[in-house]
Amino acid sequence: MIDLKNIGQFMAQAKKMQEQLKENQEALAKKTVIGTSGGGMVTIEATCRYQFIKVTLDPAFSNEEIPIQEDLIKAALNDTTRKIEALLQSSMSDITSQLALPDDFLKDREE
C-alpha cells in the first residue's frame, strides 16, 4: 500500500519518469538497428519506431530458390524486430528502475 505521507514524493518521481520517457522516445527515434540472416546474405536496417530504412541483399542471394529467399527475408525482418524490442525493453527498464515503488505495489491482493 502506498504511504499517503509520501504521495507528493511519489508524484514527483512519476513526473520525472514521464519526462525521461519523452526524452527516451526522442532518442530512440534516432537510433537504428540492423538485422541479418543467411550469414549476412540479407541485411535490414530499421529505426526503433519500426520504420525500415534499408534492405541489402548479397549478390549470392539471387542464386537461392524463391522459398529460401522468402525465408531469409522473413528471418532478417524477425531479427531486426527482436533487436528493436530488446533495445526498447532495456531502455524502459532503465527508466522504471529509478521509480521507487513499494514491493507490493504491483501485486494483486484481495482485501
PDB file of N, CA and C in Angstrom:
ATOM      1  N   MET A   1       0.843  -1.178   0.000  1.00  0.00           N
ATOM      2  CA  MET A   1       0.000   0.000   0.000  1.00  0.00           C
ATOM      3  C   MET A   1       0.888   1.242   0.000  1.00  0.00           C
ATOM      4  N   ILE A   2       0.499   2.266  -0.727  1.00  0.00           N
ATOM      5  CA  ILE A   2       1.282   3.498  -0.799  1.00  0.00           C
ATOM      6  C   ILE A   2       1.049   4.308   0.466  1.00  0.00           C
ATOM      7  N   ASP A   3       2.119   4.777   1.043  1.00  0.00           N
ATOM      8  CA  ASP A   3       2.051   5.633   2.223  1.00  0.00           C
ATOM      9  C   ASP A   3       1.616   7.019   1.768  1.00  0.00           C
ATOM     10  N   LEU A   4       0.445   7.474   2.238  1.00  0.00           N
ATOM     11  CA  LEU A   4      -0.089   8.771   1.810  1.00  0.00           C
ATOM     12  C   LEU A   4       0.808   9.934   2.209  1.00  0.00           C
ATOM     13  N   LYS A   5       1.640   9.742   3.201  1.00  0.00           N
ATOM     14  CA  LYS A   5       2.568  10.801   3.615  1.00  0.00           C
ATOM     15  C   LYS A   5       3.587  11.081   2.520  1.00  0.00           C
ATOM     16  N   ASN A   6       3.861  10.073   1.708  1.00  0.00           N
ATOM     17  CA  ASN A   6       4.881  10.210   0.674  1.00  0.00           C
ATOM     18  C   ASN A   6       4.292  10.363  -0.722  1.00  0.00           C
ATOM     19  N   ILE A   7       2.995  10.665  -0.827  1.00  0.00           N
ATOM     20  CA  ILE A   7       2.359  10.747  -2.147  1.00  0.00           C
ATOM     21  C   ILE A   7       2.964  11.871  -2.984  1.00  0.00           C
ATOM     22  N   GLY A   8       3.339  12.971  -2.345  1.00  0.00           N
ATOM     23  CA  GLY A   8       3.973  14.080  -3.074  1.00  0.00           C
ATOM     24  C   GLY A   8       5.287  13.648  -3.694  1.00  0.00           C
ATOM     25  N   GLN A   9       6.062  12.904  -2.940  1.00  0.00           N
ATOM     26  CA  GLN A   9       7.339  12.393  -3.445  1.00  0.00           C
ATOM     27  C   GLN A   9       7.098  11.409  -4.593  1.00  0.00           C
ATOM     28  N   PHE A  10       6.093  10.571  -4.426  1.00  0.00           N
ATOM     29  CA  PHE A  10       5.753   9.609  -5.466  1.00  0.00           C
ATOM     30  C   PHE A  10       5.343  10.326  -6.749  1.00  0.00           C
ATOM     31  N   MET A  11       4.516  11.354  -6.616  1.00  0.00           N
ATOM     32  CA  MET A  11       4.055  12.109  -7.793  1.00  0.00           C
ATOM     33  C   MET A  11       5.228  12.822  -8.482  1.00  0.00           C
ATOM     34  N   ALA A  12       6.164  13.336  -7.704  1.00  0.00           N
ATOM     35  CA  ALA A  12       7.338  13.985  -8.282  1.00  0.00           C
ATOM     36  C   ALA A  12       8.175  12.980  -9.068  1.00  0.00           C
ATOM     37  N   GLN A  13       8.311  11.776  -8.519  1.00  0.00           N
ATOM     38  CA  GLN A  13       9.043  10.724  -9.222  1.00  0.00           C
ATOM     39  C   GLN A  13       8.334  10.348 -10.514  1.00  0.00           C
ATOM     40  N   ALA A  14       7.005  10.273 -10.471  1.00  0.00           N
ATOM     41  CA  ALA A  14       6.235   9.920 -11.666  1.00  0.00           C
ATOM     42  C   ALA A  14       6.390  10.989 -12.741  1.00  0.00           C
ATOM     43  N   LYS A  15       6.380  12.251 -12.348  1.00  0.00           N
ATOM     44  CA  LYS A  15       6.564  13.348 -13.312  1.00  0.00           C
ATOM     45  C   LYS A  15       7.958  13.279 -13.939  1.00  0.00           C
ATOM     46  N   LYS A  16       8.956  13.017 -13.105  1.00  0.00           N
ATOM     47  CA  LYS A  16      10.323  12.898 -13.608  1.00  0.00           C
ATOM     48  C   LYS A  16      10.420  11.731 -14.592  1.00  0.00           C
ATOM     49  N   MET A  17       9.772  10.620 -14.250  1.00  0.00           N
ATOM     50  CA  MET A  17       9.799   9.460 -15.135  1.00  0.00           C
ATOM     51  C   MET A  17       9.107   9.783 -16.457  1.00  0.00           C
ATOM     52  N   GLN A  18       8.020  10.524 -16.418  1.00  0.00           N
ATOM     53  CA  GLN A  18       7.314  10.904 -17.643  1.00  0.00           C
ATOM     54  C   GLN A  18       8.220  11.749 -18.538  1.00  0.00           C
ATOM     55  N   GLU A  19       8.951  12.670 -17.956  1.00  0.00           N
ATOM     56  CA  GLU A  19       9.892  13.499 -18.725  1.00  0.00           C
ATOM     57  C   GLU A  19      10.995  12.633 -19.331  1.00  0.00           C
ATOM     58  N   GLN A  20      11.492  11.689 -18.542  1.00  0.00           N
ATOM     59  CA  GLN A  20      12.539  10.803 -19.040  1.00  0.00           C
ATOM     60  C   GLN A  20      12.021   9.921 -20.175  1.00  0.00           C
ATOM     61  N   LEU A  21      10.777   9.472 -20.065  1.00  0.00           N
ATOM     62  CA  LEU A  21      10.182   8.658 -21.128  1.00  0.00           C
ATOM     63  C   LEU A  21      10.113   9.440 -22.438  1.00  0.00           C
ATOM     64  N   LYS A  22       9.719  10.693 -22.352  1.00  0.00           N
ATOM     65  CA  LYS A  22       9.641  11.527 -23.549  1.00  0.00           C
ATOM     66  C   LYS A  22      11.023  11.699 -24.180  1.00  0.00           C
ATOM     67  N   GLU A  23      12.009  12.016 -23.354  1.00  0.00           N
ATOM     68  CA  GLU A  23      13.382  12.158 -23.861  1.00  0.00           C
ATOM     69  C   GLU A  23      13.875  10.846 -24.458  1.00  0.00           C
ATOM     70  N   ASN A  24      13.548   9.759 -23.787  1.00  0.00           N
ATOM     71  CA  ASN A  24      13.953   8.432 -24.238  1.00  0.00           C
ATOM     72  C   ASN A  24      13.344   8.110 -25.604  1.00  0.00           C
ATOM     73  N   GLN A  25      12.063   8.414 -25.774  1.00  0.00           N
ATOM     74  CA  GLN A  25      11.386   8.157 -27.049  1.00  0.00           C
ATOM     75  C   GLN A  25      12.029   8.961 -28.177  1.00  0.00           C
ATOM     76  N   GLU A  26      12.374  10.204 -27.891  1.00  0.00           N
ATOM     77  CA  GLU A  26      13.016  11.037 -28.903  1.00  0.00           C
ATOM     78  C   GLU A  26      14.389  10.479 -29.284  1.00  0.00           C
ATOM     79  N   ALA A  27      15.127  10.026 -28.288  1.00  0.00           N
ATOM     80  CA  ALA A  27      16.454   9.456 -28.561  1.00  0.00           C
ATOM     81  C   ALA A  27      16.331   8.148 -29.331  1.00  0.00           C
ATOM     82  N   LEU A  28      15.370   7.302 -28.947  1.00  0.00           N
ATOM     83  CA  LEU A  28      15.191   6.019 -29.625  1.00  0.00           C
ATOM     84  C   LEU A  28      14.748   6.207 -31.073  1.00  0.00           C
ATOM     85  N   ALA A  29      14.003   7.257 -31.344  1.00  0.00           N
ATOM     86  CA  ALA A  29      13.545   7.516 -32.713  1.00  0.00           C
ATOM     87  C   ALA A  29      14.717   7.742 -33.659  1.00  0.00           C
ATOM     88  N   LYS A  30      15.838   8.161 -33.113  1.00  0.00           N
ATOM     89  CA  LYS A  30      17.029   8.434 -33.925  1.00  0.00           C
ATOM     90  C   LYS A  30      17.952   7.221 -34.051  1.00  0.00           C
ATOM     91  N   LYS A  31      17.723   6.209 -33.220  1.00  0.00           N
ATOM     92  CA  LYS A  31      18.585   5.024 -33.245  1.00  0.00           C
ATOM     93  C   LYS A  31      18.117   4.043 -34.312  1.00  0.00           C
ATOM     94  N   THR A  32      19.078   3.316 -34.845  1.00  0.00           N
ATOM     95  CA  THR A  32      18.757   2.277 -35.817  1.00  0.00           C
ATOM     96  C   THR A  32      19.371   0.957 -35.366  1.00  0.00           C
ATOM     97  N   VAL A  33      18.777  -0.116 -35.845  1.00  0.00           N
ATOM     98  CA  VAL A  33      19.316  -1.450 -35.605  1.00  0.00           C
ATOM     99  C   VAL A  33      19.429  -2.154 -36.946  1.00  0.00           C
ATOM    100  N   ILE A  34      20.276  -3.163 -36.976  1.00  0.00           N
ATOM    101  CA  ILE A  34      20.479  -3.938 -38.198  1.00  0.00           C
ATOM    102  C   ILE A  34      20.261  -5.406 -37.884  1.00  0.00           C
ATOM    103  N   GLY A  35      19.345  -6.003 -38.627  1.00  0.00           N
ATOM    104  CA  GLY A  35      19.090  -7.428 -38.510  1.00  0.00           C
ATOM    105  C   GLY A  35      19.623  -8.132 -39.742  1.00  0.00           C
ATOM    106  N   THR A  36      20.020  -9.376 -39.562  1.00  0.00           N
ATOM    107  CA  THR A  36      20.596 -10.122 -40.684  1.00  0.00           C
ATOM    108  C   THR A  36      20.070 -11.552 -40.699  1.00  0.00           C
ATOM    109  N   SER A  37      20.311 -12.204 -41.814  1.00  0.00           N
ATOM    110  CA  SER A  37      20.060 -13.637 -41.913  1.00  0.00           C
ATOM    111  C   SER A  37      20.958 -14.208 -43.001  1.00  0.00           C
ATOM    112  N   GLY A  38      21.043 -15.512 -43.014  1.00  0.00           N
ATOM    113  CA  GLY A  38      21.847 -16.181 -44.036  1.00  0.00           C
ATOM    114  C   GLY A  38      23.307 -15.795 -43.991  1.00  0.00           C
ATOM    115  N   GLY A  39      23.824 -15.587 -42.790  1.00  0.00           N
ATOM    116  CA  GLY A  39      25.233 -15.210 -42.669  1.00  0.00           C
ATOM    117  C   GLY A  39      25.530 -13.859 -43.301  1.00  0.00           C
ATOM    118  N   GLY A  40      24.547 -12.958 -43.267  1.00  0.00           N
ATOM    119  CA  GLY A  40      24.731 -11.625 -43.836  1.00  0.00           C
ATOM    120  C   GLY A  40      24.242 -11.514 -45.274  1.00  0.00           C
ATOM    121  N   MET A  41      23.624 -12.579 -45.769  1.00  0.00           N
ATOM    122  CA  MET A  41      23.118 -12.543 -47.137  1.00  0.00           C
ATOM    123  C   MET A  41      22.001 -11.500 -47.271  1.00  0.00           C
ATOM    124  N   VAL A  42      21.196 -11.350 -46.195  1.00  0.00           N
ATOM    125  CA  VAL A  42      20.144 -10.337 -46.154  1.00  0.00           C
ATOM    126  C   VAL A  42      20.401  -9.467 -44.928  1.00  0.00           C
ATOM    127  N   THR A  43      20.418  -8.159 -45.132  1.00  0.00           N
ATOM    128  CA  THR A  43      20.618  -7.210 -44.050  1.00  0.00           C
ATOM    129  C   THR A  43      19.501  -6.174 -44.117  1.00  0.00           C
ATOM    130  N   ILE A  44      18.878  -5.917 -42.974  1.00  0.00           N
ATOM    131  CA  ILE A  44      17.785  -4.949 -42.909  1.00  0.00           C
ATOM    132  C   ILE A  44      18.081  -3.953 -41.796  1.00  0.00           C
ATOM    133  N   GLU A  45      17.986  -2.670 -42.137  1.00  0.00           N
ATOM    134  CA  GLU A  45      18.192  -1.599 -41.167  1.00  0.00           C
ATOM    135  C   GLU A  45      16.852  -0.923 -40.903  1.00  0.00           C
ATOM    136  N   ALA A  46      16.562  -0.658 -39.615  1.00  0.00           N
ATOM    137  CA  ALA A  46      15.300  -0.031 -39.236  1.00  0.00           C
ATOM    138  C   ALA A  46      15.503   0.873 -38.030  1.00  0.00           C
ATOM    139  N   THR A  47      14.580   1.823 -37.876  1.00  0.00           N
ATOM    140  CA  THR A  47      14.600   2.663 -36.683  1.00  0.00           C
ATOM    141  C   THR A  47      13.893   1.924 -35.558  1.00  0.00           C
ATOM    142  N   CYS A  48      14.015   2.462 -34.354  1.00  0.00           N
ATOM    143  CA  CYS A  48      13.326   1.867 -33.212  1.00  0.00           C
ATOM    144  C   CYS A  48      11.839   2.192 -33.222  1.00  0.00           C
ATOM    145  N   ARG A  49      11.386   2.855 -34.244  1.00  0.00           N
ATOM    146  CA  ARG A  49       9.951   3.076 -34.461  1.00  0.00           C
ATOM    147  C   ARG A  49       9.438   2.155 -35.562  1.00  0.00           C
ATOM    148  N   TYR A  50      10.201   1.128 -35.853  1.00  0.00           N
ATOM    149  CA  TYR A  50       9.832   0.104 -36.831  1.00  0.00           C
ATOM    150  C   TYR A  50       9.673   0.664 -38.246  1.00  0.00           C
ATOM    151  N   GLN A  51      10.448   1.677 -38.568  1.00  0.00           N
ATOM    152  CA  GLN A  51      10.485   2.166 -39.941  1.00  0.00           C
ATOM    153  C   GLN A  51      11.703   1.529 -40.600  1.00  0.00           C
ATOM    154  N   PHE A  52      11.443   0.743 -41.634  1.00  0.00           N
ATOM    155  CA  PHE A  52      12.526   0.040 -42.297  1.00  0.00           C
ATOM    156  C   PHE A  52      13.175   0.979 -43.298  1.00  0.00           C
ATOM    157  N   ILE A  53      14.487   1.141 -43.136  1.00  0.00           N
ATOM    158  CA  ILE A  53      15.236   2.139 -43.883  1.00  0.00           C
ATOM    159  C   ILE A  53      15.921   1.558 -45.111  1.00  0.00           C
ATOM    160  N   LYS A  54      16.521   0.396 -44.905  1.00  0.00           N
ATOM    161  CA  LYS A  54      17.366  -0.129 -45.974  1.00  0.00           C
ATOM    162  C   LYS A  54      17.361  -1.656 -45.949  1.00  0.00           C
ATOM    163  N   VAL A  55      17.321  -2.225 -47.143  1.00  0.00           N
ATOM    164  CA  VAL A  55      17.459  -3.679 -47.308  1.00  0.00           C
ATOM    165  C   VAL A  55      18.640  -3.905 -48.230  1.00  0.00           C
ATOM    166  N   THR A  56      19.568  -4.729 -47.788  1.00  0.00           N
ATOM    167  CA  THR A  56      20.738  -5.038 -48.595  1.00  0.00           C
ATOM    168  C   THR A  56      20.777  -6.539 -48.853  1.00  0.00           C
ATOM    169  N   LEU A  57      20.926  -6.896 -50.107  1.00  0.00           N
ATOM    170  CA  LEU A  57      20.993  -8.305 -50.499  1.00  0.00           C
ATOM    171  C   LEU A  57      22.366  -8.604 -51.080  1.00  0.00           C
ATOM    172  N   ASP A  58      22.994  -9.630 -50.560  1.00  0.00           N
ATOM    173  CA  ASP A  58      24.266 -10.086 -51.088  1.00  0.00           C
ATOM    174  C   ASP A  58      24.022 -10.626 -52.498  1.00  0.00           C
ATOM    175  N   PRO A  59      24.973 -10.456 -53.427  1.00  0.00           N
ATOM    176  CA  PRO A  59      24.783 -10.994 -54.781  1.00  0.00           C
ATOM    177  C   PRO A  59      24.460 -12.491 -54.799  1.00  0.00           C
ATOM    178  N   ALA A  60      24.951 -13.242 -53.838  1.00  0.00           N
ATOM    179  CA  ALA A  60      24.670 -14.682 -53.779  1.00  0.00           C
ATOM    180  C   ALA A  60      23.194 -14.958 -53.501  1.00  0.00           C
ATOM    181  N   PHE A  61      22.479 -13.965 -52.987  1.00  0.00           N
ATOM    182  CA  PHE A  61      21.060 -14.117 -52.686  1.00  0.00           C
ATOM    183  C   PHE A  61      20.273 -14.507 -53.941  1.00  0.00           C
ATOM    184  N   SER A  62      20.650 -13.967 -55.062  1.00  0.00           N
ATOM    185  CA  SER A  62      19.913 -14.233 -56.307  1.00  0.00           C
ATOM    186  C   SER A  62      20.079 -15.676 -56.786  1.00  0.00           C
ATOM    187  N   ASN A  63      21.072 -16.376 -56.274  1.00  0.00           N
ATOM    188  CA  ASN A  63      21.283 -17.773 -56.644  1.00  0.00           C
ATOM    189  C   ASN A  63      20.374 -18.736 -55.870  1.00  0.00           C
ATOM    190  N   GLU A  64      19.701 -18.225 -54.840  1.00  0.00           N
ATOM    191  CA  GLU A  64      18.854 -19.068 -53.989  1.00  0.00           C
ATOM    192  C   GLU A  64      17.473 -19.240 -54.613  1.00  0.00           C
ATOM    193  N   GLU A  65      16.840 -20.344 -54.292  1.00  0.00           N
ATOM    194  CA  GLU A  65      15.468 -20.588 -54.730  1.00  0.00           C
ATOM    195  C   GLU A  65      14.535 -19.590 -54.039  1.00  0.00           C
ATOM    196  N   ILE A  66      13.407 -19.293 -54.666  1.00  0.00           N
ATOM    197  CA  ILE A  66      12.475 -18.304 -54.129  1.00  0.00           C
ATOM    198  C   ILE A  66      12.021 -18.636 -52.698  1.00  0.00           C
ATOM    199  N   PRO A  67      11.666 -19.886 -52.378  1.00  0.00           N
ATOM    200  CA  PRO A  67      11.261 -20.172 -50.983  1.00  0.00           C
ATOM    201  C   PRO A  67      12.376 -19.868 -49.981  1.00  0.00           C
ATOM    202  N   ILE A  68      13.611 -20.106 -50.374  1.00  0.00           N
ATOM    203  CA  ILE A  68      14.748 -19.806 -49.487  1.00  0.00           C
ATOM    204  C   ILE A  68      14.915 -18.299 -49.362  1.00  0.00           C
ATOM    205  N   GLN A  69      14.771 -17.583 -50.468  1.00  0.00           N
ATOM    206  CA  GLN A  69      14.853 -16.118 -50.422  1.00  0.00           C
ATOM    207  C   GLN A  69      13.789 -15.555 -49.473  1.00  0.00           C
ATOM    208  N   GLU A  70      12.576 -16.069 -49.594  1.00  0.00           N
ATOM    209  CA  GLU A  70      11.487 -15.616 -48.734  1.00  0.00           C
ATOM    210  C   GLU A  70      11.802 -15.878 -47.263  1.00  0.00           C
ATOM    211  N   ASP A  71      12.324 -17.066 -46.965  1.00  0.00           N
ATOM    212  CA  ASP A  71      12.679 -17.405 -45.587  1.00  0.00           C
ATOM    213  C   ASP A  71      13.785 -16.504 -45.048  1.00  0.00           C
ATOM    214  N   LEU A  72      14.773 -16.210 -45.895  1.00  0.00           N
ATOM    215  CA  LEU A  72      15.868 -15.340 -45.471  1.00  0.00           C
ATOM    216  C   LEU A  72      15.375 -13.924 -45.180  1.00  0.00           C
ATOM    217  N   ILE A  73      14.455 -13.427 -45.993  1.00  0.00           N
ATOM    218  CA  ILE A  73      13.904 -12.086 -45.764  1.00  0.00           C
ATOM    219  C   ILE A  73      13.103 -12.069 -44.466  1.00  0.00           C
ATOM    220  N   LYS A  74      12.251 -13.082 -44.267  1.00  0.00           N
ATOM    221  CA  LYS A  74      11.476 -13.159 -43.019  1.00  0.00           C
ATOM    222  C   LYS A  74      12.402 -13.239 -41.810  1.00  0.00           C
ATOM    223  N   ALA A  75      13.442 -14.040 -41.916  1.00  0.00           N
ATOM    224  CA  ALA A  75      14.370 -14.195 -40.790  1.00  0.00           C
ATOM    225  C   ALA A  75      15.081 -12.878 -40.471  1.00  0.00           C
ATOM    226  N   ALA A  76      15.462 -12.138 -41.504  1.00  0.00           N
ATOM    227  CA  ALA A  76      16.126 -10.847 -41.284  1.00  0.00           C
ATOM    228  C   ALA A  76      15.158  -9.840 -40.660  1.00  0.00           C
ATOM    229  N   LEU A  77      13.909  -9.840 -41.110  1.00  0.00           N
ATOM    230  CA  LEU A  77      12.900  -8.962 -40.507  1.00  0.00           C
ATOM    231  C   LEU A  77      12.672  -9.322 -39.039  1.00  0.00           C
ATOM    232  N   ASN A  78      12.573 -10.617 -38.753  1.00  0.00           N
ATOM    233  CA  ASN A  78      12.386 -11.057 -37.370  1.00  0.00           C
ATOM    234  C   ASN A  78      13.586 -10.699 -36.500  1.00  0.00           C
ATOM    235  N   ASP A  79      14.783 -10.834 -37.039  1.00  0.00           N
ATOM    236  CA  ASP A  79      15.992 -10.476 -36.293  1.00  0.00           C
ATOM    237  C   ASP A  79      15.994  -8.979 -35.991  1.00  0.00           C
ATOM    238  N   THR A  80      15.632  -8.183 -36.964  1.00  0.00           N
ATOM    239  CA  THR A  80      15.572  -6.732 -36.770  1.00  0.00           C
ATOM    240  C   THR A  80      14.548  -6.388 -35.701  1.00  0.00           C
ATOM    241  N   THR A  81      13.384  -6.982 -35.782  1.00  0.00           N
ATOM    242  CA  THR A  81      12.314  -6.716 -34.815  1.00  0.00           C
ATOM    243  C   THR A  81      12.736  -7.113 -33.407  1.00  0.00           C
ATOM    244  N   ARG A  82      13.369  -8.273 -33.257  1.00  0.00           N
ATOM    245  CA  ARG A  82      13.845  -8.712 -31.932  1.00  0.00           C
ATOM    246  C   ARG A  82      14.848  -7.725 -31.360  1.00  0.00           C
ATOM    247  N   LYS A  83      15.727  -7.221 -32.196  1.00  0.00           N
ATOM    248  CA  LYS A  83      16.733  -6.261 -31.719  1.00  0.00           C
ATOM    249  C   LYS A  83      16.085  -4.944 -31.299  1.00  0.00           C
ATOM    250  N   ILE A  84      15.082  -4.501 -32.038  1.00  0.00           N
ATOM    251  CA  ILE A  84      14.358  -3.285 -31.661  1.00  0.00           C
ATOM    252  C   ILE A  84      13.683  -3.500 -30.308  1.00  0.00           C
ATOM    253  N   GLU A  85      12.974  -4.603 -30.167  1.00  0.00           N
ATOM    254  CA  GLU A  85      12.254  -4.880 -28.924  1.00  0.00           C
ATOM    255  C   GLU A  85      13.201  -4.985 -27.732  1.00  0.00           C
ATOM    256  N   ALA A  86      14.354  -5.589 -27.929  1.00  0.00           N
ATOM    257  CA  ALA A  86      15.336  -5.698 -26.844  1.00  0.00           C
ATOM    258  C   ALA A  86      15.843  -4.316 -26.436  1.00  0.00           C
ATOM    259  N   LEU A  87      16.094  -3.470 -27.410  1.00  0.00           N
ATOM    260  CA  LEU A  87      16.563  -2.116 -27.126  1.00  0.00           C
ATOM    261  C   LEU A  87      15.490  -1.315 -26.399  1.00  0.00           C
ATOM    262  N   LEU A  88      14.240  -1.428 -26.843  1.00  0.00           N
ATOM    263  CA  LEU A  88      13.134  -0.725 -26.189  1.00  0.00           C
ATOM    264  C   LEU A  88      12.938  -1.222 -24.759  1.00  0.00           C
ATOM    265  N   GLN A  89      12.996  -2.531 -24.567  1.00  0.00           N
ATOM    266  CA  GLN A  89      12.820  -3.119 -23.230  1.00  0.00           C
ATOM    267  C   GLN A  89      13.925  -2.665 -22.287  1.00  0.00           C
ATOM    268  N   SER A  90      15.139  -2.689 -22.771  1.00  0.00           N
ATOM    269  CA  SER A  90      16.272  -2.279 -21.951  1.00  0.00           C
ATOM    270  C   SER A  90      16.146  -0.810 -21.549  1.00  0.00           C
ATOM    271  N   SER A  91      15.771  -0.009 -22.494  1.00  0.00           N
ATOM    272  CA  SER A  91      15.622   1.415 -22.241  1.00  0.00           C
ATOM    273  C   SER A  91      14.517   1.679 -21.221  1.00  0.00           C
ATOM    274  N   MET A  92      13.398   0.982 -21.353  1.00  0.00           N
ATOM    275  CA  MET A  92      12.282   1.159 -20.434  1.00  0.00           C
ATOM    276  C   MET A  92      12.655   0.669 -19.041  1.00  0.00           C
ATOM    277  N   SER A  93      13.377  -0.424 -18.947  1.00  0.00           N
ATOM    278  CA  SER A  93      13.794  -0.956 -17.647  1.00  0.00           C
ATOM    279  C   SER A  93      14.695   0.034 -16.914  1.00  0.00           C
ATOM    280  N   ASP A  94      15.562   0.701 -17.665  1.00  0.00           N
ATOM    281  CA  ASP A  94      16.450   1.692 -17.061  1.00  0.00           C
ATOM    282  C   ASP A  94      15.653   2.814 -16.410  1.00  0.00           C
ATOM    283  N   ILE A  95      14.586   3.234 -17.071  1.00  0.00           N
ATOM    284  CA  ILE A  95      13.782   4.336 -16.551  1.00  0.00           C
ATOM    285  C   ILE A  95      12.929   3.891 -15.370  1.00  0.00           C
ATOM    286  N   THR A  96      12.215   2.783 -15.519  1.00  0.00           N
ATOM    287  CA  THR A  96      11.302   2.359 -14.457  1.00  0.00           C
ATOM    288  C   THR A  96      12.038   1.911 -13.195  1.00  0.00           C
ATOM    289  N   SER A  97      13.282   1.482 -13.331  1.00  0.00           N
ATOM    290  CA  SER A  97      14.027   1.070 -12.142  1.00  0.00           C
ATOM    291  C   SER A  97      14.330   2.254 -11.232  1.00  0.00           C
ATOM    292  N   GLN A  98      14.255   3.463 -11.780  1.00  0.00           N
ATOM    293  CA  GLN A  98      14.510   4.656 -10.979  1.00  0.00           C
ATOM    294  C   GLN A  98      13.296   5.072 -10.154  1.00  0.00           C
ATOM    295  N   LEU A  99      12.138   4.527 -10.471  1.00  0.00           N
ATOM    296  CA  LEU A  99      10.923   4.857  -9.746  1.00  0.00           C
ATOM    297  C   LEU A  99      10.818   3.933  -8.534  1.00  0.00           C
ATOM    298  N   ALA A 100      10.887   4.497  -7.368  1.00  0.00           N
ATOM    299  CA  ALA A 100      10.883   3.706  -6.131  1.00  0.00           C
ATOM    300  C   ALA A 100       9.449   3.353  -5.739  1.00  0.00           C
ATOM    301  N   LEU A 101       9.021   2.165  -6.144  1.00  0.00           N
ATOM    302  CA  LEU A 101       7.694   1.673  -5.784  1.00  0.00           C
ATOM    303  C   LEU A 101       7.809   0.706  -4.622  1.00  0.00           C
ATOM    304  N   PRO A 102       6.792   0.681  -3.761  1.00  0.00           N
ATOM    305  CA  PRO A 102       6.812  -0.316  -2.682  1.00  0.00           C
ATOM    306  C   PRO A 102       6.817  -1.721  -3.286  1.00  0.00           C
ATOM    307  N   ASP A 103       7.376  -2.678  -2.595  1.00  0.00           N
ATOM    308  CA  ASP A 103       7.493  -4.045  -3.098  1.00  0.00           C
ATOM    309  C   ASP A 103       6.159  -4.645  -3.504  1.00  0.00           C
ATOM    310  N   ASP A 104       5.104  -4.321  -2.772  1.00  0.00           N
ATOM    311  CA  ASP A 104       3.813  -4.924  -3.062  1.00  0.00           C
ATOM    312  C   ASP A 104       2.924  -4.058  -3.965  1.00  0.00           C
ATOM    313  N   PHE A 105       3.466  -3.029  -4.569  1.00  0.00           N
ATOM    314  CA  PHE A 105       2.665  -2.086  -5.359  1.00  0.00           C
ATOM    315  C   PHE A 105       1.949  -2.745  -6.523  1.00  0.00           C
ATOM    316  N   LEU A 106       2.608  -3.638  -7.224  1.00  0.00           N
ATOM    317  CA  LEU A 106       2.024  -4.248  -8.422  1.00  0.00           C
ATOM    318  C   LEU A 106       1.389  -5.603  -8.159  1.00  0.00           C
ATOM    319  N   LYS A 107       1.389  -6.062  -6.932  1.00  0.00           N
ATOM    320  CA  LYS A 107       0.818  -7.364  -6.618  1.00  0.00           C
ATOM    321  C   LYS A 107      -0.705  -7.279  -6.560  1.00  0.00           C
ATOM    322  N   ASP A 108      -1.362  -8.309  -7.080  1.00  0.00           N
ATOM    323  CA  ASP A 108      -2.807  -8.411  -6.940  1.00  0.00           C
ATOM    324  C   ASP A 108      -3.101  -8.912  -5.531  1.00  0.00           C
ATOM    325  N   ARG A 109      -3.934  -8.154  -4.833  1.00  0.00           N
ATOM    326  CA  ARG A 109      -4.263  -8.573  -3.467  1.00  0.00           C
ATOM    327  C   ARG A 109      -5.753  -8.427  -3.252  1.00  0.00           C
ATOM    328  N   GLU A 110      -6.289  -9.373  -2.538  1.00  0.00           N
ATOM    329  CA  GLU A 110      -7.696  -9.287  -2.139  1.00  0.00           C
ATOM    330  C   GLU A 110      -7.727  -8.888  -0.688  1.00  0.00           C
ATOM    331  N   GLU A 111      -8.449  -7.827  -0.414  1.00  0.00           N
ATOM    332  CA  GLU A 111      -8.550  -7.353   0.973  1.00  0.00           C
ATOM    333  C   GLU A 111      -9.986  -7.167   1.326  1.00  0.00           C
TER     334      GLU A 111
END
